[in-house]
Amino acid sequence: MDLRKLEDYIGKMETEMTNFIDNIDKKMLIKACNLILESKEKEGRVHITGVGKTSYVAEYIAALNSSIGTPTYFLDTTEAIHGSIGQVKEEDVVVAISNSGQTIELKNTITALQKIGVKVIGVSGGVTSWLKNNVDVFLYAGVAHEGDELNKPPRSSVLVEIIILQCLSILLQQEQKLDLKTYHLYHPGGSLGESVYAQIHE
């Protein structure tokens, strides 16, 4: 088996991740965090939406945030304008993920959300995209190359979307002042829950 293409991918991925991490806009992360904190003060909630591969990122981040004390709900971008947008209230915040920031489904959903009065955090690699120009806070999550010879299947772009939203989750966890006892309340099951329980009762 020829591993040259794999090695090429690993090298490109390492370069992309390093470049992205070195240039994360921490000020915009703080703005995004504050937007969510202001919403929580009004008993608002967080929703997260994406189309295609980004929908899986959205579901993961929703689960992660919920486990650290910021309840976050997945909002299906395609279903949103067919009634699912009813889960969102004016005081809520929606995080919208799109690699291009240009998809018609996302445009329709965000336009509908803004009519309700919802604040939107955009996450995209499209620095000149429709998404960037139509949200309250924009978090850049882009790469120059996906890593493979086609440069189309989303690989590196998915990783940086996860990284930037994990960074946001760190800020939210810090503001939540989460400790292990509270974390165990949110995550009592599985080997992770068992390890937290054991640590609490050492």
N, C-alpha and C. Protein backbone atom coordinates (compact mmCIF):
# COMPACT_ATOMS: atom_id res chain seq x y z
N MET A 1 0.85 -1.20 0.00
CA MET A 1 0.00 0.00 0.00
C MET A 1 0.88 1.25 0.00
N ASP A 2 0.58 2.18 -0.89
CA ASP A 2 1.34 3.42 -1.00
C ASP A 2 0.80 4.43 0.01
N LEU A 3 1.65 4.85 0.92
CA LEU A 3 1.22 5.77 1.98
C LEU A 3 1.55 7.23 1.69
N ARG A 4 2.02 7.52 0.48
CA ARG A 4 2.44 8.88 0.19
C ARG A 4 1.29 9.88 0.27
N LYS A 5 0.12 9.48 -0.22
CA LYS A 5 -1.03 10.40 -0.16
C LYS A 5 -1.48 10.62 1.27
N LEU A 6 -1.42 9.56 2.08
CA LEU A 6 -1.77 9.70 3.49
C LEU A 6 -0.79 10.64 4.18
N GLU A 7 0.48 10.45 3.91
CA GLU A 7 1.49 11.32 4.52
C GLU A 7 1.33 12.76 4.07
N ASP A 8 0.95 12.93 2.80
CA ASP A 8 0.71 14.28 2.28
C ASP A 8 -0.48 14.92 3.00
N TYR A 9 -1.53 14.12 3.21
CA TYR A 9 -2.70 14.64 3.93
C TYR A 9 -2.33 15.04 5.36
N ILE A 10 -1.61 14.19 6.05
CA ILE A 10 -1.23 14.48 7.43
C ILE A 10 -0.40 15.76 7.50
N GLY A 11 0.51 15.93 6.56
CA GLY A 11 1.32 17.14 6.53
C GLY A 11 0.49 18.39 6.28
N LYS A 12 -0.44 18.30 5.32
CA LYS A 12 -1.30 19.45 5.03
C LYS A 12 -2.20 19.78 6.23
N MET A 13 -2.73 18.72 6.87
CA MET A 13 -3.60 18.92 8.02
C MET A 13 -2.84 19.60 9.16
N GLU A 14 -1.63 19.16 9.40
CA GLU A 14 -0.82 19.76 10.45
C GLU A 14 -0.60 21.25 10.18
N THR A 15 -0.31 21.58 8.94
CA THR A 15 -0.10 22.98 8.56
C THR A 15 -1.36 23.80 8.76
N GLU A 16 -2.49 23.26 8.30
CA GLU A 16 -3.76 23.99 8.41
C GLU A 16 -4.15 24.20 9.87
N MET A 17 -4.01 23.17 10.70
CA MET A 17 -4.40 23.30 12.10
C MET A 17 -3.51 24.30 12.82
N THR A 18 -2.21 24.24 12.54
CA THR A 18 -1.28 25.17 13.18
C THR A 18 -1.59 26.61 12.79
N ASN A 19 -1.79 26.84 11.50
CA ASN A 19 -2.11 28.19 11.03
C ASN A 19 -3.41 28.70 11.64
N PHE A 20 -4.39 27.83 11.70
CA PHE A 20 -5.68 28.25 12.25
C PHE A 20 -5.57 28.59 13.73
N ILE A 21 -4.98 27.71 14.49
CA ILE A 21 -4.88 27.92 15.94
C ILE A 21 -4.06 29.17 16.26
N ASP A 22 -3.02 29.41 15.49
CA ASP A 22 -2.17 30.59 15.72
C ASP A 22 -2.92 31.90 15.46
N ASN A 23 -3.99 31.82 14.69
CA ASN A 23 -4.69 33.05 14.30
C ASN A 23 -6.13 33.13 14.82
N ILE A 24 -6.47 32.36 15.83
CA ILE A 24 -7.82 32.43 16.40
C ILE A 24 -8.07 33.82 16.97
N ASP A 25 -9.22 34.38 16.62
CA ASP A 25 -9.59 35.72 17.08
C ASP A 25 -10.26 35.60 18.46
N LYS A 26 -9.49 35.80 19.50
CA LYS A 26 -10.00 35.63 20.87
C LYS A 26 -11.02 36.70 21.23
N LYS A 27 -10.87 37.89 20.66
CA LYS A 27 -11.83 38.97 20.95
C LYS A 27 -13.22 38.61 20.43
N MET A 28 -13.28 37.98 19.27
CA MET A 28 -14.58 37.57 18.73
C MET A 28 -15.16 36.42 19.54
N LEU A 29 -14.32 35.55 20.06
CA LEU A 29 -14.80 34.48 20.93
C LEU A 29 -15.42 35.06 22.20
N ILE A 30 -14.80 36.08 22.75
CA ILE A 30 -15.34 36.73 23.95
C ILE A 30 -16.68 37.38 23.63
N LYS A 31 -16.79 38.02 22.47
CA LYS A 31 -18.06 38.63 22.06
C LYS A 31 -19.16 37.57 21.93
N ALA A 32 -18.80 36.43 21.34
CA ALA A 32 -19.77 35.35 21.19
C ALA A 32 -20.20 34.82 22.55
N CYS A 33 -19.24 34.65 23.45
CA CYS A 33 -19.54 34.18 24.80
C CYS A 33 -20.46 35.16 25.52
N ASN A 34 -20.15 36.44 25.43
CA ASN A 34 -20.98 37.45 26.10
C ASN A 34 -22.40 37.48 25.55
N LEU A 35 -22.54 37.26 24.25
CA LEU A 35 -23.87 37.23 23.64
C LEU A 35 -24.69 36.10 24.24
N ILE A 36 -24.06 34.95 24.44
CA ILE A 36 -24.75 33.81 25.03
C ILE A 36 -25.05 34.06 26.51
N LEU A 37 -24.11 34.66 27.23
CA LEU A 37 -24.33 34.95 28.65
C LEU A 37 -25.48 35.94 28.84
N GLU A 38 -25.56 36.94 27.97
CA GLU A 38 -26.66 37.91 28.04
C GLU A 38 -27.99 37.21 27.78
N SER A 39 -27.99 36.27 26.86
CA SER A 39 -29.20 35.50 26.58
C SER A 39 -29.60 34.65 27.78
N LYS A 40 -28.62 34.01 28.41
CA LYS A 40 -28.90 33.15 29.57
C LYS A 40 -29.48 33.96 30.73
N GLU A 41 -29.04 35.21 30.87
CA GLU A 41 -29.57 36.08 31.93
C GLU A 41 -31.06 36.35 31.72
N LYS A 42 -31.50 36.29 30.48
CA LYS A 42 -32.91 36.49 30.14
C LYS A 42 -33.66 35.17 30.04
N GLU A 43 -33.01 34.09 30.52
CA GLU A 43 -33.54 32.73 30.44
C GLU A 43 -33.65 32.26 29.00
N GLY A 44 -32.79 32.81 28.15
CA GLY A 44 -32.71 32.36 26.77
C GLY A 44 -31.90 31.08 26.66
N ARG A 45 -31.98 30.47 25.51
CA ARG A 45 -31.29 29.21 25.27
C ARG A 45 -30.42 29.33 24.02
N VAL A 46 -29.57 28.34 23.82
CA VAL A 46 -28.71 28.30 22.65
C VAL A 46 -29.18 27.19 21.71
N HIS A 47 -29.22 27.51 20.44
CA HIS A 47 -29.53 26.52 19.41
C HIS A 47 -28.37 26.52 18.42
N ILE A 48 -28.13 25.40 17.78
CA ILE A 48 -27.02 25.34 16.83
C ILE A 48 -27.47 24.59 15.58
N THR A 49 -27.11 25.14 14.42
CA THR A 49 -27.62 24.61 13.17
C THR A 49 -26.52 24.50 12.13
N GLY A 50 -26.68 23.55 11.22
CA GLY A 50 -25.75 23.37 10.12
C GLY A 50 -26.35 22.42 9.11
N VAL A 51 -25.82 22.45 7.88
CA VAL A 51 -26.32 21.59 6.81
C VAL A 51 -25.21 20.62 6.38
N GLY A 52 -25.59 19.39 6.06
CA GLY A 52 -24.61 18.42 5.61
C GLY A 52 -23.67 18.01 6.72
N LYS A 53 -22.36 18.00 6.43
CA LYS A 53 -21.38 17.57 7.43
C LYS A 53 -21.40 18.48 8.66
N THR A 54 -21.71 19.76 8.47
CA THR A 54 -21.71 20.66 9.62
C THR A 54 -22.86 20.35 10.58
N SER A 55 -23.86 19.62 10.12
CA SER A 55 -24.95 19.25 11.03
C SER A 55 -24.43 18.30 12.11
N TYR A 56 -23.44 17.47 11.76
CA TYR A 56 -22.85 16.56 12.74
C TYR A 56 -21.99 17.34 13.75
N VAL A 57 -21.31 18.37 13.25
CA VAL A 57 -20.58 19.26 14.15
C VAL A 57 -21.56 19.91 15.12
N ALA A 58 -22.68 20.39 14.59
CA ALA A 58 -23.69 21.06 15.41
C ALA A 58 -24.22 20.14 16.50
N GLU A 59 -24.49 18.89 16.15
CA GLU A 59 -25.02 17.95 17.14
C GLU A 59 -23.99 17.66 18.23
N TYR A 60 -22.73 17.53 17.84
CA TYR A 60 -21.67 17.30 18.83
C TYR A 60 -21.54 18.48 19.78
N ILE A 61 -21.49 19.69 19.25
CA ILE A 61 -21.31 20.88 20.10
C ILE A 61 -22.53 21.08 20.99
N ALA A 62 -23.72 20.77 20.49
CA ALA A 62 -24.93 20.86 21.33
C ALA A 62 -24.80 19.93 22.53
N ALA A 63 -24.32 18.71 22.29
CA ALA A 63 -24.15 17.75 23.38
C ALA A 63 -23.05 18.20 24.34
N LEU A 64 -21.95 18.71 23.80
CA LEU A 64 -20.84 19.18 24.63
C LEU A 64 -21.29 20.33 25.52
N ASN A 65 -21.90 21.35 24.93
CA ASN A 65 -22.35 22.51 25.71
C ASN A 65 -23.33 22.12 26.80
N SER A 66 -24.26 21.25 26.45
CA SER A 66 -25.27 20.83 27.44
C SER A 66 -24.62 20.14 28.62
N SER A 67 -23.55 19.40 28.36
CA SER A 67 -22.88 18.65 29.44
C SER A 67 -22.07 19.54 30.36
N ILE A 68 -21.84 20.80 29.94
CA ILE A 68 -21.05 21.71 30.80
C ILE A 68 -21.89 22.88 31.31
N GLY A 69 -23.22 22.75 31.21
CA GLY A 69 -24.08 23.73 31.86
C GLY A 69 -24.65 24.82 30.98
N THR A 70 -24.49 24.71 29.65
CA THR A 70 -25.14 25.65 28.74
C THR A 70 -26.04 24.84 27.81
N PRO A 71 -27.31 24.63 28.22
CA PRO A 71 -28.22 23.83 27.40
C PRO A 71 -28.25 24.34 25.96
N THR A 72 -27.96 23.44 25.02
CA THR A 72 -27.87 23.80 23.61
C THR A 72 -28.66 22.79 22.80
N TYR A 73 -29.47 23.27 21.89
CA TYR A 73 -30.40 22.43 21.16
C TYR A 73 -30.07 22.43 19.67
N PHE A 74 -30.07 21.26 19.06
CA PHE A 74 -29.83 21.16 17.63
C PHE A 74 -31.06 21.66 16.87
N LEU A 75 -30.81 22.51 15.89
CA LEU A 75 -31.88 23.03 15.02
C LEU A 75 -31.57 22.61 13.60
N ASP A 76 -32.41 21.78 13.03
CA ASP A 76 -32.20 21.32 11.66
C ASP A 76 -32.42 22.48 10.69
N THR A 77 -31.38 22.82 9.93
CA THR A 77 -31.46 23.99 9.05
C THR A 77 -32.55 23.83 7.99
N THR A 78 -32.64 22.64 7.42
CA THR A 78 -33.63 22.41 6.37
C THR A 78 -35.04 22.43 6.93
N GLU A 79 -35.23 21.85 8.11
CA GLU A 79 -36.56 21.77 8.71
C GLU A 79 -36.98 23.09 9.37
N ALA A 80 -36.02 23.96 9.63
CA ALA A 80 -36.32 25.18 10.39
C ALA A 80 -37.44 26.00 9.77
N ILE A 81 -37.39 26.20 8.46
CA ILE A 81 -38.41 27.04 7.82
C ILE A 81 -39.69 26.25 7.52
N HIS A 82 -39.71 25.00 7.95
CA HIS A 82 -40.92 24.18 7.81
C HIS A 82 -41.54 23.91 9.18
N GLY A 83 -41.26 24.80 10.13
CA GLY A 83 -41.91 24.71 11.43
C GLY A 83 -40.99 24.54 12.62
N SER A 84 -39.80 23.98 12.41
CA SER A 84 -38.90 23.73 13.54
C SER A 84 -38.38 25.00 14.18
N ILE A 85 -38.45 26.09 13.45
CA ILE A 85 -38.00 27.37 14.00
C ILE A 85 -38.86 27.79 15.19
N GLY A 86 -40.00 27.11 15.35
CA GLY A 86 -40.86 27.38 16.50
C GLY A 86 -40.23 27.03 17.83
N GLN A 87 -39.11 26.28 17.81
CA GLN A 87 -38.42 25.95 19.06
C GLN A 87 -37.60 27.13 19.58
N VAL A 88 -37.46 28.19 18.76
CA VAL A 88 -36.60 29.31 19.10
C VAL A 88 -37.42 30.50 19.58
N LYS A 89 -36.95 31.12 20.67
CA LYS A 89 -37.61 32.30 21.22
C LYS A 89 -36.74 33.53 20.97
N GLU A 90 -37.36 34.70 21.08
CA GLU A 90 -36.67 35.95 20.78
C GLU A 90 -35.40 36.14 21.59
N GLU A 91 -35.41 35.70 22.84
CA GLU A 91 -34.26 35.92 23.71
C GLU A 91 -33.15 34.86 23.52
N ASP A 92 -33.32 33.93 22.60
CA ASP A 92 -32.35 32.88 22.37
C ASP A 92 -31.20 33.34 21.46
N VAL A 93 -30.17 32.50 21.39
CA VAL A 93 -29.06 32.70 20.47
C VAL A 93 -28.95 31.47 19.58
N VAL A 94 -28.71 31.69 18.30
CA VAL A 94 -28.50 30.58 17.37
C VAL A 94 -27.07 30.65 16.83
N VAL A 95 -26.38 29.52 16.90
CA VAL A 95 -25.06 29.39 16.29
C VAL A 95 -25.26 28.70 14.94
N ALA A 96 -24.84 29.36 13.87
CA ALA A 96 -25.04 28.83 12.52
C ALA A 96 -23.69 28.49 11.90
N ILE A 97 -23.51 27.22 11.51
CA ILE A 97 -22.24 26.76 10.93
C ILE A 97 -22.42 26.51 9.44
N SER A 98 -21.51 27.06 8.65
CA SER A 98 -21.51 26.80 7.21
C SER A 98 -20.11 27.04 6.68
N ASN A 99 -19.53 26.06 6.02
CA ASN A 99 -18.18 26.22 5.50
C ASN A 99 -18.10 27.39 4.52
N SER A 100 -19.04 27.47 3.60
CA SER A 100 -19.03 28.55 2.61
C SER A 100 -19.70 29.81 3.12
N GLY A 101 -20.70 29.65 3.98
CA GLY A 101 -21.49 30.80 4.43
C GLY A 101 -22.43 31.32 3.37
N GLN A 102 -22.70 30.50 2.36
CA GLN A 102 -23.47 30.96 1.21
C GLN A 102 -24.70 30.09 0.89
N THR A 103 -24.93 29.02 1.62
CA THR A 103 -25.99 28.09 1.22
C THR A 103 -27.37 28.70 1.36
N ILE A 104 -28.24 28.37 0.42
CA ILE A 104 -29.59 28.96 0.39
C ILE A 104 -30.39 28.54 1.62
N GLU A 105 -30.19 27.28 2.08
CA GLU A 105 -30.93 26.83 3.26
C GLU A 105 -30.59 27.69 4.48
N LEU A 106 -29.29 27.98 4.62
CA LEU A 106 -28.85 28.79 5.76
C LEU A 106 -29.38 30.22 5.66
N LYS A 107 -29.33 30.78 4.47
CA LYS A 107 -29.84 32.14 4.27
C LYS A 107 -31.31 32.23 4.67
N ASN A 108 -32.10 31.26 4.22
CA ASN A 108 -33.53 31.27 4.53
C ASN A 108 -33.78 31.14 6.02
N THR A 109 -33.02 30.26 6.66
CA THR A 109 -33.20 30.04 8.10
C THR A 109 -32.82 31.27 8.91
N ILE A 110 -31.67 31.86 8.61
CA ILE A 110 -31.22 33.03 9.37
C ILE A 110 -32.15 34.22 9.15
N THR A 111 -32.62 34.40 7.93
CA THR A 111 -33.56 35.48 7.65
C THR A 111 -34.83 35.31 8.48
N ALA A 112 -35.32 34.08 8.57
CA ALA A 112 -36.51 33.81 9.38
C ALA A 112 -36.25 34.03 10.86
N LEU A 113 -35.07 33.61 11.33
CA LEU A 113 -34.72 33.80 12.74
C LEU A 113 -34.64 35.27 13.10
N GLN A 114 -34.08 36.07 12.22
CA GLN A 114 -33.91 37.49 12.51
C GLN A 114 -35.25 38.22 12.55
N LYS A 115 -36.23 37.70 11.86
CA LYS A 115 -37.57 38.29 11.94
C LYS A 115 -38.15 38.08 13.34
N ILE A 116 -37.74 36.99 14.00
CA ILE A 116 -38.17 36.74 15.37
C ILE A 116 -37.42 37.65 16.35
N GLY A 117 -36.22 38.06 15.96
CA GLY A 117 -35.41 38.92 16.81
C GLY A 117 -34.26 38.21 17.46
N VAL A 118 -33.97 36.99 16.98
CA VAL A 118 -32.92 36.16 17.57
C VAL A 118 -31.53 36.68 17.18
N LYS A 119 -30.59 36.61 18.13
CA LYS A 119 -29.20 36.93 17.85
C LYS A 119 -28.53 35.70 17.23
N VAL A 120 -27.64 35.94 16.27
CA VAL A 120 -27.01 34.83 15.55
C VAL A 120 -25.49 34.95 15.59
N ILE A 121 -24.84 33.83 15.92
CA ILE A 121 -23.39 33.71 15.84
C ILE A 121 -23.07 32.87 14.61
N GLY A 122 -22.33 33.42 13.67
CA GLY A 122 -21.97 32.68 12.47
C GLY A 122 -20.60 32.06 12.59
N VAL A 123 -20.46 30.83 12.07
CA VAL A 123 -19.18 30.12 12.07
C VAL A 123 -18.92 29.66 10.64
N SER A 124 -17.87 30.19 10.03
CA SER A 124 -17.65 29.89 8.61
C SER A 124 -16.22 30.20 8.19
N GLY A 125 -15.82 29.60 7.08
CA GLY A 125 -14.55 29.95 6.45
C GLY A 125 -14.72 31.03 5.41
N GLY A 126 -15.96 31.46 5.20
CA GLY A 126 -16.25 32.47 4.18
C GLY A 126 -16.11 33.88 4.72
N VAL A 127 -14.92 34.44 4.60
CA VAL A 127 -14.66 35.76 5.20
C VAL A 127 -15.38 36.89 4.46
N THR A 128 -15.84 36.64 3.24
CA THR A 128 -16.62 37.64 2.50
C THR A 128 -18.02 37.11 2.21
N SER A 129 -18.46 36.15 2.99
CA SER A 129 -19.71 35.45 2.71
C SER A 129 -20.94 36.22 3.17
N TRP A 130 -22.07 35.77 2.69
CA TRP A 130 -23.36 36.30 3.15
C TRP A 130 -23.50 36.12 4.65
N LEU A 131 -23.08 34.97 5.15
CA LEU A 131 -23.20 34.68 6.58
C LEU A 131 -22.44 35.72 7.40
N LYS A 132 -21.19 36.00 7.03
CA LYS A 132 -20.39 36.95 7.79
C LYS A 132 -21.06 38.31 7.89
N ASN A 133 -21.72 38.71 6.83
CA ASN A 133 -22.32 40.04 6.76
C ASN A 133 -23.73 40.12 7.33
N ASN A 134 -24.25 38.98 7.82
CA ASN A 134 -25.64 38.97 8.29
C ASN A 134 -25.80 38.32 9.65
N VAL A 135 -24.76 38.39 10.48
CA VAL A 135 -24.85 37.84 11.83
C VAL A 135 -24.38 38.88 12.84
N ASP A 136 -24.66 38.62 14.11
CA ASP A 136 -24.27 39.55 15.18
C ASP A 136 -22.81 39.38 15.57
N VAL A 137 -22.33 38.14 15.54
CA VAL A 137 -20.92 37.84 15.83
C VAL A 137 -20.46 36.79 14.82
N PHE A 138 -19.26 36.99 14.27
CA PHE A 138 -18.73 36.04 13.29
C PHE A 138 -17.46 35.41 13.81
N LEU A 139 -17.44 34.08 13.82
CA LEU A 139 -16.25 33.32 14.21
C LEU A 139 -15.66 32.66 12.96
N TYR A 140 -14.45 33.04 12.62
CA TYR A 140 -13.82 32.47 11.43
C TYR A 140 -13.38 31.04 11.70
N ALA A 141 -13.74 30.15 10.77
CA ALA A 141 -13.32 28.76 10.86
C ALA A 141 -13.08 28.27 9.43
N GLY A 142 -11.91 28.61 8.92
CA GLY A 142 -11.63 28.27 7.54
C GLY A 142 -10.23 27.72 7.35
N VAL A 143 -10.02 27.05 6.23
CA VAL A 143 -8.72 26.51 5.87
C VAL A 143 -8.44 26.82 4.40
N ALA A 144 -7.17 26.76 4.04
CA ALA A 144 -6.79 26.96 2.65
C ALA A 144 -6.94 25.68 1.84
N HIS A 145 -6.84 24.54 2.53
CA HIS A 145 -6.87 23.26 1.82
C HIS A 145 -7.49 22.18 2.72
N GLU A 146 -8.35 21.36 2.13
CA GLU A 146 -9.00 20.29 2.89
C GLU A 146 -8.05 19.13 3.17
N GLY A 147 -6.96 19.02 2.38
CA GLY A 147 -5.93 18.04 2.70
C GLY A 147 -5.73 16.93 1.69
N ASP A 148 -6.75 16.64 0.87
CA ASP A 148 -6.60 15.56 -0.09
C ASP A 148 -6.46 16.12 -1.50
N GLU A 149 -6.27 15.25 -2.46
CA GLU A 149 -6.01 15.68 -3.83
C GLU A 149 -7.22 16.34 -4.49
N LEU A 150 -8.43 16.01 -4.04
CA LEU A 150 -9.62 16.63 -4.60
C LEU A 150 -9.86 18.02 -4.02
N ASN A 151 -9.45 18.20 -2.78
CA ASN A 151 -9.68 19.46 -2.05
C ASN A 151 -11.16 19.83 -2.01
N LYS A 152 -12.01 18.85 -1.90
CA LYS A 152 -13.46 19.08 -1.82
C LYS A 152 -14.11 18.44 -0.60
N PRO A 153 -13.90 17.13 -0.37
CA PRO A 153 -14.53 16.53 0.82
C PRO A 153 -14.09 17.25 2.08
N PRO A 154 -15.04 17.67 2.92
CA PRO A 154 -14.69 18.46 4.11
C PRO A 154 -13.96 17.63 5.15
N ARG A 155 -12.70 17.93 5.33
CA ARG A 155 -11.89 17.28 6.34
C ARG A 155 -11.32 18.33 7.28
N SER A 156 -10.35 19.09 6.82
CA SER A 156 -9.73 20.11 7.67
C SER A 156 -10.74 21.17 8.10
N SER A 157 -11.68 21.52 7.22
CA SER A 157 -12.66 22.55 7.56
C SER A 157 -13.55 22.12 8.72
N VAL A 158 -13.89 20.84 8.77
CA VAL A 158 -14.69 20.32 9.88
C VAL A 158 -13.91 20.41 11.19
N LEU A 159 -12.62 20.10 11.12
CA LEU A 159 -11.80 20.14 12.33
C LEU A 159 -11.72 21.56 12.90
N VAL A 160 -11.55 22.57 12.05
CA VAL A 160 -11.43 23.93 12.58
C VAL A 160 -12.77 24.45 13.09
N GLU A 161 -13.88 23.99 12.51
CA GLU A 161 -15.19 24.35 13.06
C GLU A 161 -15.34 23.81 14.48
N ILE A 162 -14.91 22.57 14.66
CA ILE A 162 -14.96 21.97 16.00
C ILE A 162 -14.04 22.73 16.95
N ILE A 163 -12.85 23.05 16.51
CA ILE A 163 -11.89 23.73 17.39
C ILE A 163 -12.43 25.07 17.86
N ILE A 164 -12.96 25.89 16.96
CA ILE A 164 -13.41 27.23 17.36
C ILE A 164 -14.60 27.13 18.31
N LEU A 165 -15.46 26.14 18.11
CA LEU A 165 -16.61 26.00 18.99
C LEU A 165 -16.24 25.35 20.32
N GLN A 166 -15.20 24.53 20.31
CA GLN A 166 -14.66 24.03 21.58
C GLN A 166 -14.05 25.18 22.38
N CYS A 167 -13.38 26.10 21.70
CA CYS A 167 -12.84 27.28 22.38
C CYS A 167 -13.96 28.08 23.04
N LEU A 168 -15.06 28.25 22.31
CA LEU A 168 -16.21 28.96 22.89
C LEU A 168 -16.75 28.20 24.09
N SER A 169 -16.76 26.88 24.02
CA SER A 169 -17.26 26.07 25.14
C SER A 169 -16.37 26.23 26.38
N ILE A 170 -15.07 26.43 26.18
CA ILE A 170 -14.17 26.64 27.31
C ILE A 170 -14.53 27.93 28.03
N LEU A 171 -14.81 28.99 27.28
CA LEU A 171 -15.20 30.26 27.90
C LEU A 171 -16.52 30.12 28.64
N LEU A 172 -17.47 29.42 28.04
CA LEU A 172 -18.77 29.22 28.69
C LEU A 172 -18.63 28.38 29.97
N GLN A 173 -17.81 27.36 29.91
CA GLN A 173 -17.57 26.52 31.09
C GLN A 173 -16.94 27.34 32.21
N GLN A 174 -16.00 28.20 31.85
CA GLN A 174 -15.35 29.05 32.84
C GLN A 174 -16.36 29.98 33.51
N GLU A 175 -17.23 30.59 32.72
CA GLU A 175 -18.24 31.50 33.27
C GLU A 175 -19.28 30.75 34.09
N GLN A 176 -19.52 29.49 33.74
CA GLN A 176 -20.47 28.66 34.48
C GLN A 176 -19.90 28.24 35.83
N LYS A 177 -18.55 28.39 35.98
CA LYS A 177 -17.85 27.95 37.20
C LYS A 177 -18.16 26.47 37.49
N LEU A 178 -18.05 25.69 36.46
CA LEU A 178 -18.38 24.27 36.55
C LEU A 178 -17.36 23.52 37.40
N ASP A 179 -17.86 22.74 38.35
CA ASP A 179 -16.98 21.86 39.12
C ASP A 179 -17.36 20.40 38.84
N LEU A 180 -16.58 19.48 39.37
CA LEU A 180 -16.80 18.07 39.06
C LEU A 180 -18.15 17.55 39.57
N LYS A 181 -18.58 18.05 40.73
CA LYS A 181 -19.88 17.59 41.27
C LYS A 181 -21.02 17.96 40.34
N THR A 182 -20.99 19.19 39.86
CA THR A 182 -22.04 19.64 38.95
C THR A 182 -21.93 18.91 37.61
N TYR A 183 -20.70 18.75 37.16
CA TYR A 183 -20.50 18.04 35.89
C TYR A 183 -21.07 16.62 35.98
N HIS A 184 -20.91 15.99 37.14
CA HIS A 184 -21.42 14.63 37.31
C HIS A 184 -22.95 14.61 37.27
N LEU A 185 -23.58 15.68 37.74
CA LEU A 185 -25.04 15.76 37.65
C LEU A 185 -25.50 15.73 36.20
N TYR A 186 -24.72 16.39 35.33
CA TYR A 186 -25.06 16.45 33.91
C TYR A 186 -24.61 15.21 33.15
N HIS A 187 -23.61 14.51 33.69
CA HIS A 187 -23.03 13.37 32.97
C HIS A 187 -22.76 12.22 33.94
N PRO A 188 -23.83 11.60 34.49
CA PRO A 188 -23.63 10.55 35.49
C PRO A 188 -23.32 9.18 34.90
N GLY A 189 -23.58 8.99 33.62
CA GLY A 189 -23.46 7.66 33.03
C GLY A 189 -22.15 7.39 32.33
N GLY A 190 -21.97 6.11 31.98
CA GLY A 190 -20.81 5.70 31.21
C GLY A 190 -19.53 5.68 32.04
N SER A 191 -18.44 5.31 31.38
CA SER A 191 -17.15 5.25 32.08
C SER A 191 -16.69 6.63 32.50
N LEU A 192 -17.06 7.66 31.71
CA LEU A 192 -16.69 9.03 32.10
C LEU A 192 -17.39 9.42 33.39
N GLY A 193 -18.71 9.13 33.48
CA GLY A 193 -19.44 9.44 34.70
C GLY A 193 -18.89 8.68 35.89
N GLU A 194 -18.51 7.42 35.67
CA GLU A 194 -17.94 6.62 36.75
C GLU A 194 -16.61 7.19 37.24
N SER A 195 -15.79 7.65 36.29
CA SER A 195 -14.49 8.19 36.68
C SER A 195 -14.64 9.50 37.45
N VAL A 196 -15.64 10.32 37.06
CA VAL A 196 -15.89 11.57 37.79
C VAL A 196 -16.38 11.25 39.20
N TYR A 197 -17.30 10.28 39.31
CA TYR A 197 -17.84 9.89 40.62
C TYR A 197 -16.71 9.42 41.54
N ALA A 198 -15.81 8.60 40.98
CA ALA A 198 -14.70 8.08 41.78
C ALA A 198 -13.79 9.20 42.24
N GLN A 199 -13.57 10.20 41.36
CA GLN A 199 -12.69 11.30 41.72
C GLN A 199 -13.32 12.16 42.81
N ILE A 200 -14.64 12.35 42.72
CA ILE A 200 -15.34 13.16 43.72
C ILE A 200 -15.26 12.50 45.10
N HIS A 201 -15.32 11.15 45.11
CA HIS A 201 -15.39 10.44 46.38
C HIS A 201 -14.08 9.81 46.80
N GLU A 202 -12.99 10.35 46.30
CA GLU A 202 -11.68 9.85 46.73
C GLU A 202 -11.44 10.14 48.22
